Each structure stands twice: as C-alpha cells, then as structure tokens.
Amino acid sequence: MNRGLLFCHARGMAKAGLLLLLALSISSYLIACGGTPASSGPVTLTFWSWVPNLQQAIDLFEKSHPNIKIKWQNVGSGGTEYTKLTTALKAGSGAPDVVQIEYAYLPQYILSGKLVDLSQYGANDVKDQFVPWTWAQVSSGGKVYAIPQDTGPMGLLYREDIFKKYNLPVPTTWDQYAQEAIQLHKANPKIYMTDFSPSDGPWFFSLLWQAGSQPFEVNGTTIKIHLDDAAALKVANYWGNLVKNGAVSTAADWNNDWYAALQNGTLATWITAAWAPSDLEGFAPKSAGLWRVAPLPQWNPGEHASANWGGSTDAVTTQCQHPAEAAEFVKWLNTNPESVKILTQKLYLFPAQKSALQDPSFDTANTFYGGQQVNRIFVNGPGIKPVACPQPCRPGLQGWLTAAHSAVTE
C-alpha cells in the first residue's frame, strides 16, 4: 500500500505561525519531444515498481501484447527507489523505461525534463477514465507526464471499543475531535486520541489541503511558498494546542512502538488515507473487530472537504528507447478492466479509476472493521478539492512542511 513518505526531519525551525517564505527562481526547461513510431519487432521494457505481486497484471499485458515484454523490478519503495532513479537520470543511463512515482515526487522529475510527454501517444484519450483531481496532478498545459494508478483520500479510523467505554460520539468536526481528545486523555492518561509525529510533513500538508490553505504564489518563474495564511495558521494552532494539552502523543510513527500503540489501544484514532485500513490489519492483527471507519472531521459543520495523502503514478523516462510501447503499457496497466481489478481487488490499491470506484465488488464488507464497507466510506466521504500547487513547487515544499510540522510539537 502506498503512503505519503516520511521526509528528513528539518531542524532549527521557528514556532508554528512564523512566516515560512521561499522564493524559487526556476528556469523552464521541460523537454518537448516529438512522437516516436512504435517498433516493428519485439521490445523489452524495464519497469520499476514497489507494488507487490504486480506480475499478475504484467502477464495479462504480455498475453495481449506479444511483441512487448516487461521486466519488472522492485528496487525499493519510495525514497530508496527515488535515490536510484535520480542518480541514473543524472548519469544519463541506467534508468528504467517505466517507473512508479508518487504524486508528491512527480513534479521534481517533470521539472528535470526526464519524463516523456505521454500526450503524443494518446494519453489524453484516457483522461476521462480517472478521478479529475488525479489527472490535474499528472498533467500541465495539455502535456501528460504520467498515468494515475492509485490514490489516498483521507478519513478517520477509530477504536469503537474505546469510544463506547468513554461515551464519546464519533467526531464530525475538528472542534469536537479536540474536545474529545482532551476529555479522553483526562479520563485515562494512558490513552491518546492520536499521534502527531514530528516528521510527517506530507501528512501535515494534507491537513492544510483540507483546511483550504493555498501556500503558493506564482509570478512568472518565481514561486513563493508561505505557510502563514489563515487556514495554515488555524491548522498549526489547532494541533499546537492539542500537543500543549498533552491530548495527543508526539512519538515517532511507523515503528514497532507505534504499531503496538495502535494494537493495544494507546491510540484511539488514526487520521489517515484509504490505503491504511489494509496496512492496519497487518501490523495490528489482535485489534481485529475493534476498529471502525468514519469520514474526516470538518472545520465547519456541514462542509464536505477532504484531501489526499499518498498514491502514485506510472511514468516513462526519456532514457526509454521505445516510448510508444511504454506509453501503451502504462495506459493499459491503469485502464484495462482486468488489470484494474487486479490492482484494486487483489493488490489492494485504492483506485484512481472511476470505473473501479463504481464497481459493486468494491463494496465488500470487512470483518476487521466490524463488517463495514470500508472502501465506500472513503469514496462517499468528503470530496477532494484540487490544490493550487504549480508543478515546480513541491520539491522545495516538502522540507519546509516537515519543519513546520515539527515546529508544532516544540
């Protein structure tokens, strides 16, 4: 399952609320390549992806495309893959033909000019098959640099047993969530409403996204990133107060202690994305039947705003000698009905494809969550609004977000 990666912990950041301003002067040098005819003979494409058991879908592709062979390699997930990819792209050799890239990382590779514009190979023909905001993340000015694969709409996982024991209703607003967090920790100091790890910058950005923060200003080739708009300060102050009151833990996450806290009831909720329910089943198996899923709390009653955390795409690098065939593969992998079923129903990726979201089989009840139709709750929960983030902004933003998130806990 794909999650927003944890980024290096930036130090020396001022307290939450301090202006974070970054002016990036950027030269636009995206490579505009002309279309390349498909090869007449058999070709082999290398494909880097960390999605497990992906060979099932690849076998179907090769069966229907006998002249294209896919050499799938898992060179590591997230940051491990990106380090190898960046090195190979800079060296001019050694990069794969096709590569899995998360939404948050895609802009830096677009900016480098190392990804093929897939629009020349008919990528825009499949645009309407995807959830609109995902297509906005992979395209710009009619050019398409990747095909969406999966997403991470956010929601709330909560321990029903703990909520019942302490007479807490499921929170629908952030004010209610904060009040119950303080109430719960006061009733039992060993329990925290959730964890606010000091190094989850992308997760923090998702909360800013939901609140309506727009931290980007573009003037020609200059991009300013500031985290002092009203929405950003509201989110920072909100979590700062919960940390100050001791109602949320500030321990590091994604380690054995954190897994144990989710399993033994030290943490009563997890504000997370749609890929997380299956992850939780894996690292907290003894808590089966105790968890439930609810939509993300809202800042104002009656609102329907959410955000995305995680998810990835498939792109073609400029080192590919057979871009037409590679483009056909990434389109097929993420639009063919049988392939999409494998990705979503067997490999448990949360789909970016409209058809998969509407498939009745997507509504399977999950006993780990008390028989809830978990996927449908994420689909029918608050809507995701596209964030006004110009293509070059995110690489520089990630470190600032992690630092700002960390500052809230200081």
Protein backbone atom coordinates (compact mmCIF):
# COMPACT_ATOMS: atom_id res chain seq x y z
CA MET A 1 0.00 0.00 0.00
CA ASN A 2 1.31 3.41 -0.87
CA ARG A 3 1.62 6.04 1.79
CA GLY A 4 3.00 9.52 1.97
CA LEU A 5 6.68 9.02 2.72
CA LEU A 6 8.38 10.42 5.78
CA PHE A 7 10.93 13.04 4.94
CA CYS A 8 14.15 14.01 6.67
CA HIS A 9 13.49 15.96 9.83
CA ALA A 10 14.42 19.60 9.26
CA ARG A 11 15.80 21.34 12.33
CA GLY A 12 16.05 24.89 13.50
CA MET A 13 12.52 25.88 12.56
CA ALA A 14 10.68 28.72 14.28
CA LYS A 15 7.50 28.09 16.22
CA ALA A 16 4.25 27.47 14.35
CA GLY A 17 2.83 30.66 12.96
CA LEU A 18 6.17 32.12 11.89
CA LEU A 19 6.29 33.11 8.21
CA LEU A 20 7.94 30.48 6.05
CA LEU A 21 8.85 32.15 2.78
CA LEU A 22 10.77 30.55 -0.02
CA ALA A 23 11.41 32.24 -3.36
CA LEU A 24 12.41 29.77 -6.03
CA SER A 25 13.73 31.10 -9.32
CA ILE A 26 13.06 28.37 -11.80
CA SER A 27 14.06 28.10 -15.44
CA SER A 28 11.53 26.27 -17.52
CA TYR A 29 13.34 23.66 -19.45
CA LEU A 30 10.85 20.85 -19.87
CA ILE A 31 11.81 18.76 -22.85
CA ALA A 32 9.24 18.63 -25.62
CA CYS A 33 9.92 15.50 -27.61
CA GLY A 34 8.25 14.57 -30.85
CA GLY A 35 6.39 11.32 -31.19
CA THR A 36 8.41 8.22 -31.92
CA PRO A 37 6.96 5.45 -34.11
CA ALA A 38 6.32 2.09 -32.50
CA SER A 39 9.00 -0.53 -33.08
CA SER A 40 8.34 -3.20 -35.68
CA GLY A 41 9.89 -6.07 -33.69
CA PRO A 42 9.67 -7.38 -30.11
CA VAL A 43 10.86 -4.99 -27.39
CA THR A 44 11.63 -5.38 -23.69
CA LEU A 45 10.80 -2.62 -21.23
CA THR A 46 12.18 -2.33 -17.71
CA PHE A 47 9.65 -1.30 -15.08
CA TRP A 48 10.47 -0.18 -11.54
CA SER A 49 7.59 -0.53 -9.10
CA TRP A 50 7.27 -1.50 -5.44
CA VAL A 51 3.67 -2.73 -5.78
CA PRO A 52 3.77 -6.39 -4.65
CA ASN A 53 2.61 -9.23 -6.89
CA LEU A 54 2.33 -6.94 -9.90
CA GLN A 55 3.37 -9.77 -12.20
CA GLN A 56 -0.27 -10.87 -12.35
CA ALA A 57 -1.20 -7.78 -14.34
CA ILE A 58 2.01 -7.84 -16.36
CA ASP A 59 1.28 -11.39 -17.52
CA LEU A 60 -2.10 -10.26 -18.87
CA PHE A 61 -0.48 -7.36 -20.70
CA GLU A 62 2.15 -9.56 -22.32
CA LYS A 63 -0.54 -12.01 -23.40
CA SER A 64 -2.43 -9.27 -25.23
CA HIS A 65 0.76 -7.54 -26.46
CA PRO A 66 3.05 -10.40 -27.55
CA ASN A 67 5.67 -8.04 -29.01
CA ILE A 68 6.21 -6.21 -25.71
CA LYS A 69 7.93 -7.85 -22.76
CA ILE A 70 8.01 -6.23 -19.33
CA LYS A 71 10.95 -6.75 -16.99
CA TRP A 72 9.50 -5.78 -13.62
CA GLN A 73 11.96 -4.88 -10.86
CA ASN A 74 11.36 -3.82 -7.26
CA VAL A 75 14.46 -1.75 -6.49
CA GLY A 76 12.97 -0.46 -3.24
CA SER A 77 9.99 1.65 -2.28
CA GLY A 78 9.69 5.39 -2.10
CA GLY A 79 12.90 7.15 -1.18
CA THR A 80 15.06 4.13 -1.93
CA GLU A 81 13.77 4.00 -5.48
CA TYR A 82 13.94 7.77 -5.96
CA THR A 83 17.60 7.90 -4.97
CA LYS A 84 18.46 5.26 -7.57
CA LEU A 85 16.24 6.89 -10.17
CA THR A 86 17.69 10.36 -9.68
CA THR A 87 21.24 9.02 -9.87
CA ALA A 88 20.52 7.14 -13.10
CA LEU A 89 18.75 10.07 -14.73
CA LYS A 90 21.62 12.42 -13.92
CA ALA A 91 24.15 9.89 -15.22
CA GLY A 92 22.28 9.55 -18.49
CA SER A 93 22.00 5.77 -18.27
CA GLY A 94 20.65 3.06 -16.00
CA ALA A 95 17.14 4.44 -15.55
CA PRO A 96 14.14 2.19 -16.20
CA ASP A 97 11.85 2.67 -19.17
CA VAL A 98 8.81 2.91 -16.91
CA VAL A 99 8.80 3.92 -13.25
CA GLN A 100 6.33 4.26 -10.39
CA ILE A 101 6.41 7.77 -8.88
CA GLU A 102 4.22 9.17 -6.11
CA TYR A 103 2.20 12.33 -6.75
CA ALA A 104 4.28 14.29 -4.24
CA TYR A 105 7.52 13.49 -6.06
CA LEU A 106 6.33 13.70 -9.64
CA PRO A 107 6.86 17.48 -10.11
CA GLN A 108 10.60 17.32 -9.45
CA TYR A 109 11.04 14.76 -12.22
CA ILE A 110 8.83 16.77 -14.57
CA LEU A 111 10.95 19.83 -13.86
CA SER A 112 14.13 17.90 -14.60
CA GLY A 113 12.91 17.22 -18.14
CA LYS A 114 13.49 13.49 -17.71
CA LEU A 115 9.93 12.27 -18.25
CA VAL A 116 8.30 11.70 -21.63
CA ASP A 117 5.23 13.75 -22.52
CA LEU A 118 2.69 10.98 -23.00
CA SER A 119 0.13 13.20 -24.71
CA GLN A 120 1.86 12.48 -28.03
CA TYR A 121 0.97 8.81 -27.51
CA GLY A 122 -2.72 9.33 -26.81
CA ALA A 123 -2.61 9.75 -23.04
CA ASN A 124 -5.31 12.42 -23.10
CA ASP A 125 -7.66 9.85 -24.64
CA VAL A 126 -7.93 8.13 -21.25
CA LYS A 127 -8.23 11.33 -19.19
CA ASP A 128 -11.95 10.92 -18.51
CA GLN A 129 -11.43 7.47 -17.00
CA PHE A 130 -9.75 8.96 -13.93
CA VAL A 131 -10.90 10.98 -10.94
CA PRO A 132 -10.42 14.62 -12.10
CA TRP A 133 -8.05 15.80 -9.39
CA THR A 134 -5.62 12.95 -10.12
CA TRP A 135 -5.31 13.96 -13.77
CA ALA A 136 -4.56 17.52 -12.68
CA GLN A 137 -1.60 16.15 -10.72
CA VAL A 138 -0.01 14.43 -13.74
CA SER A 139 -0.67 16.98 -16.48
CA SER A 140 0.04 20.60 -17.31
CA GLY A 141 -0.89 22.66 -20.35
CA GLY A 142 -2.14 19.64 -22.27
CA LYS A 143 1.03 17.66 -21.65
CA VAL A 144 0.80 14.43 -19.65
CA TYR A 145 3.80 13.15 -17.72
CA ALA A 146 2.35 10.07 -16.01
CA ILE A 147 -0.79 7.96 -15.70
CA PRO A 148 -2.51 7.88 -12.28
CA GLN A 149 -2.51 4.50 -10.56
CA ASP A 150 -3.87 4.82 -7.04
CA THR A 151 -4.89 7.47 -4.52
CA GLY A 152 -5.13 8.16 -0.80
CA PRO A 153 -8.34 10.03 0.10
CA MET A 154 -8.37 10.66 3.82
CA GLY A 155 -10.66 9.51 6.60
CA LEU A 156 -10.72 8.64 10.29
CA LEU A 157 -10.01 5.19 11.74
CA TYR A 158 -11.19 4.94 15.35
CA ARG A 159 -11.40 2.35 18.13
CA GLU A 160 -15.10 1.77 18.68
CA ASP A 161 -14.49 -0.04 21.97
CA ILE A 162 -12.65 2.95 23.43
CA PHE A 163 -15.23 5.44 22.19
CA LYS A 164 -18.05 3.39 23.74
CA LYS A 165 -16.23 2.89 27.04
CA TYR A 166 -15.70 6.63 27.49
CA ASN A 167 -19.06 7.66 25.98
CA LEU A 168 -17.53 9.55 23.08
CA PRO A 169 -19.58 10.11 19.91
CA VAL A 170 -17.75 9.83 16.61
CA PRO A 171 -16.48 13.37 15.92
CA THR A 172 -17.77 15.11 12.82
CA THR A 173 -15.92 18.41 13.35
CA TRP A 174 -12.37 19.24 14.39
CA ASP A 175 -13.64 21.20 17.39
CA GLN A 176 -15.47 18.11 18.60
CA TYR A 177 -12.39 15.98 17.94
CA ALA A 178 -10.23 18.29 20.08
CA GLN A 179 -12.73 18.39 22.94
CA GLU A 180 -12.99 14.61 22.99
CA ALA A 181 -9.21 14.25 22.78
CA ILE A 182 -8.78 16.31 25.94
CA GLN A 183 -11.69 14.54 27.64
CA LEU A 184 -10.33 11.09 26.80
CA HIS A 185 -6.78 11.75 27.98
CA LYS A 186 -8.10 13.29 31.19
CA ALA A 187 -10.24 10.20 31.85
CA ASN A 188 -7.32 7.86 31.09
CA PRO A 189 -3.85 9.45 30.88
CA LYS A 190 -2.53 6.28 29.24
CA ILE A 191 -4.67 6.84 26.14
CA TYR A 192 -4.12 9.49 23.48
CA MET A 193 -6.63 10.44 20.83
CA THR A 194 -3.96 10.13 18.14
CA ASP A 195 -0.29 10.58 17.37
CA PHE A 196 1.23 13.79 15.97
CA SER A 197 4.63 12.55 14.88
CA PRO A 198 7.24 15.31 14.41
CA SER A 199 8.34 14.14 10.97
CA ASP A 200 5.18 13.68 8.88
CA GLY A 201 5.41 16.68 6.56
CA PRO A 202 3.27 15.25 3.72
CA TRP A 203 0.58 14.20 6.21
CA PHE A 204 0.60 17.74 7.62
CA PHE A 205 0.26 19.14 4.10
CA SER A 206 -2.86 17.01 3.63
CA LEU A 207 -4.41 18.64 6.70
CA LEU A 208 -3.54 22.07 5.29
CA TRP A 209 -5.06 20.97 1.98
CA GLN A 210 -8.35 20.03 3.66
CA ALA A 211 -8.47 23.34 5.54
CA GLY A 212 -8.20 25.28 2.29
CA SER A 213 -4.67 26.61 2.67
CA GLN A 214 -3.17 27.95 -0.57
CA PRO A 215 0.51 28.49 0.24
CA PHE A 216 1.68 29.15 -3.32
CA GLU A 217 2.13 32.38 -5.27
CA VAL A 218 3.42 32.32 -8.83
CA ASN A 219 4.87 35.37 -10.58
CA GLY A 220 6.47 34.38 -13.84
CA THR A 221 9.24 31.97 -12.93
CA THR A 222 9.26 32.94 -9.26
CA ILE A 223 7.30 30.79 -6.85
CA LYS A 224 6.73 31.85 -3.26
CA ILE A 225 5.81 29.30 -0.64
CA HIS A 226 4.32 30.67 2.56
CA LEU A 227 2.60 28.89 5.39
CA ASP A 228 1.12 31.88 7.16
CA ASP A 229 -2.30 32.14 5.53
CA ALA A 230 -5.32 31.93 7.81
CA ALA A 231 -6.04 28.28 7.07
CA ALA A 232 -2.45 27.16 7.67
CA LEU A 233 -2.22 29.05 10.95
CA LYS A 234 -5.56 27.60 12.02
CA VAL A 235 -4.28 24.05 11.49
CA ALA A 236 -0.93 24.75 13.17
CA ASN A 237 -2.53 26.38 16.20
CA TYR A 238 -5.11 23.61 16.47
CA TRP A 239 -2.50 20.87 16.72
CA GLY A 240 -0.17 23.02 18.77
CA ASN A 241 -2.87 23.36 21.42
CA LEU A 242 -3.54 19.62 21.48
CA VAL A 243 0.17 18.94 21.88
CA LYS A 244 0.39 21.56 24.64
CA ASN A 245 -2.53 19.93 26.46
CA GLY A 246 -0.93 16.50 26.18
CA ALA A 247 -4.04 15.13 24.49
CA VAL A 248 -2.07 13.69 21.56
CA SER A 249 1.15 11.74 21.52
CA THR A 250 4.21 13.16 19.76
CA ALA A 251 6.09 9.88 19.44
CA ALA A 252 7.63 8.84 16.13
CA ASP A 253 5.40 6.73 13.91
CA TRP A 254 5.88 3.80 11.53
CA ASN A 255 7.90 1.76 14.01
CA ASN A 256 7.20 -1.17 16.34
CA ASP A 257 6.20 1.04 19.28
CA TRP A 258 3.68 2.86 17.12
CA TYR A 259 2.26 -0.39 15.76
CA ALA A 260 1.87 -1.64 19.34
CA ALA A 261 0.11 1.59 20.37
CA LEU A 262 -2.47 1.12 17.63
CA GLN A 263 -3.00 -2.50 18.62
CA ASN A 264 -3.17 -2.14 22.41
CA GLY A 265 -5.42 0.92 22.50
CA THR A 266 -2.87 3.56 23.47
CA LEU A 267 -4.00 5.44 20.36
CA ALA A 268 -7.76 5.78 19.88
CA THR A 269 -7.76 7.11 16.31
CA TRP A 270 -5.64 7.30 13.20
CA ILE A 271 -6.19 10.18 10.78
CA THR A 272 -5.08 8.53 7.60
CA ALA A 273 -5.72 7.59 3.98
CA ALA A 274 -7.70 4.91 2.18
CA TRP A 275 -4.69 2.63 1.76
CA ALA A 276 -4.26 2.41 5.55
CA PRO A 277 -7.06 0.00 6.56
CA SER A 278 -5.30 -2.95 4.95
CA ASP A 279 -1.98 -1.84 6.46
CA LEU A 280 -3.54 -1.73 9.92
CA GLU A 281 -4.78 -5.29 9.52
CA GLY A 282 -1.18 -6.33 9.00
CA PHE A 283 0.53 -4.61 11.92
CA ALA A 284 -2.30 -4.68 14.48
CA PRO A 285 -3.98 -8.06 13.88
CA LYS A 286 -5.03 -8.56 17.51
CA SER A 287 -7.26 -5.48 17.31
CA ALA A 288 -9.48 -7.05 14.64
CA GLY A 289 -13.14 -6.13 15.06
CA LEU A 290 -12.39 -3.15 17.31
CA TRP A 291 -11.79 -0.54 14.62
CA ARG A 292 -14.31 1.45 12.59
CA VAL A 293 -14.02 3.99 9.78
CA ALA A 294 -15.61 7.44 9.54
CA PRO A 295 -15.28 10.46 7.25
CA LEU A 296 -12.66 13.06 8.06
CA PRO A 297 -13.87 15.66 10.61
CA GLN A 298 -14.74 19.08 9.17
CA TRP A 299 -13.72 22.57 10.19
CA ASN A 300 -17.31 23.78 9.90
CA PRO A 301 -20.47 21.69 10.32
CA GLY A 302 -21.96 20.67 7.02
CA GLU A 303 -18.78 21.10 4.99
CA HIS A 304 -17.51 18.33 2.74
CA ALA A 305 -13.78 18.85 2.32
CA SER A 306 -11.04 16.25 2.28
CA ALA A 307 -7.54 15.81 0.91
CA ASN A 308 -5.21 13.17 -0.42
CA TRP A 309 -2.24 11.52 1.30
CA GLY A 310 -0.20 9.15 -0.80
CA GLY A 311 -0.96 7.47 -4.08
CA SER A 312 1.23 7.07 -7.14
CA THR A 313 1.56 7.17 -10.91
CA ASP A 314 3.42 5.38 -13.70
CA ALA A 315 5.72 7.47 -15.91
CA VAL A 316 8.06 6.89 -18.87
CA THR A 317 11.64 8.19 -18.65
CA THR A 318 13.45 9.89 -21.51
CA GLN A 319 16.04 7.10 -21.48
CA CYS A 320 13.37 4.78 -22.88
CA GLN A 321 14.18 3.71 -26.45
CA HIS A 322 10.59 2.58 -27.10
CA PRO A 323 8.34 5.33 -25.70
CA ALA A 324 5.32 4.38 -27.80
CA GLU A 325 5.31 0.86 -26.36
CA ALA A 326 5.99 2.17 -22.85
CA ALA A 327 3.10 4.62 -23.16
CA GLU A 328 0.83 1.79 -24.27
CA PHE A 329 1.87 -0.23 -21.22
CA VAL A 330 1.21 2.47 -18.61
CA LYS A 331 -2.14 3.30 -20.19
CA TRP A 332 -3.17 -0.36 -20.37
CA LEU A 333 -1.96 -1.18 -16.86
CA ASN A 334 -4.14 1.52 -15.33
CA THR A 335 -7.22 1.40 -17.58
CA ASN A 336 -7.72 -2.19 -18.72
CA PRO A 337 -10.67 -3.57 -16.70
CA GLU A 338 -8.95 -6.83 -15.78
CA SER A 339 -5.74 -5.07 -14.82
CA VAL A 340 -7.60 -2.53 -12.70
CA LYS A 341 -9.39 -5.36 -10.90
CA ILE A 342 -6.04 -6.93 -10.06
CA LEU A 343 -4.66 -3.62 -8.80
CA THR A 344 -7.66 -2.78 -6.66
CA GLN A 345 -9.12 -6.13 -5.57
CA LYS A 346 -6.03 -8.32 -5.30
CA LEU A 347 -3.25 -5.82 -4.63
CA TYR A 348 -5.49 -3.50 -2.55
CA LEU A 349 -4.56 -0.22 -4.20
CA PHE A 350 -7.18 2.47 -3.68
CA PRO A 351 -8.18 3.31 -7.25
CA ALA A 352 -7.83 6.49 -9.23
CA GLN A 353 -10.11 4.99 -11.90
CA LYS A 354 -13.78 5.98 -11.90
CA SER A 355 -14.88 2.53 -13.04
CA ALA A 356 -13.23 0.81 -10.08
CA LEU A 357 -14.83 3.22 -7.63
CA GLN A 358 -18.24 2.39 -9.09
CA ASP A 359 -17.72 -1.38 -9.20
CA PRO A 360 -20.11 -3.20 -6.78
CA SER A 361 -17.31 -5.56 -5.79
CA PHE A 362 -15.54 -2.55 -4.32
CA ASP A 363 -18.13 -2.54 -1.54
CA THR A 364 -17.07 -5.79 0.12
CA ALA A 365 -17.73 -5.82 3.87
CA ASN A 366 -14.59 -6.00 6.02
CA THR A 367 -14.83 -8.04 9.23
CA PHE A 368 -11.73 -6.36 10.68
CA TYR A 369 -13.82 -3.18 10.77
CA GLY A 370 -16.98 -4.75 12.11
CA GLY A 371 -18.45 -5.55 8.72
CA GLN A 372 -18.26 -2.00 7.40
CA GLN A 373 -17.95 -1.31 3.68
CA VAL A 374 -14.68 0.47 4.31
CA ASN A 375 -13.89 1.46 0.73
CA ARG A 376 -17.28 3.02 0.19
CA ILE A 377 -16.86 5.23 3.25
CA PHE A 378 -13.71 6.71 1.76
CA VAL A 379 -15.37 7.08 -1.65
CA ASN A 380 -18.53 8.68 -0.29
CA GLY A 381 -16.76 10.76 2.32
CA PRO A 382 -15.82 14.42 1.95
CA GLY A 383 -14.72 15.44 -1.51
CA ILE A 384 -11.15 16.20 -2.50
CA LYS A 385 -10.61 19.66 -3.93
CA PRO A 386 -7.63 20.12 -6.27
CA VAL A 387 -4.95 22.18 -4.57
CA ALA A 388 -3.43 25.10 -6.47
CA CYS A 389 0.10 23.74 -6.48
CA PRO A 390 2.12 24.64 -9.60
CA GLN A 391 4.32 21.87 -10.94
CA PRO A 392 7.71 23.10 -9.64
CA CYS A 393 6.61 23.89 -6.10
CA ARG A 394 6.54 20.59 -4.27
CA PRO A 395 10.21 19.55 -4.22
CA GLY A 396 11.17 22.62 -2.20
CA LEU A 397 8.00 22.47 -0.19
CA GLN A 398 8.47 19.04 1.36
CA GLY A 399 11.31 20.03 3.67
CA TRP A 400 9.53 23.19 4.76
CA LEU A 401 6.37 21.26 5.56
CA THR A 402 8.23 18.72 7.64
CA ALA A 403 9.96 21.52 9.51
CA ALA A 404 6.71 23.40 10.07
CA HIS A 405 5.01 20.21 11.25
CA SER A 406 7.89 19.54 13.63
CA ALA A 407 7.72 23.09 14.96
CA VAL A 408 4.18 22.48 16.18
CA THR A 409 5.47 19.86 18.63
CA GLU A 410 8.26 22.03 20.06
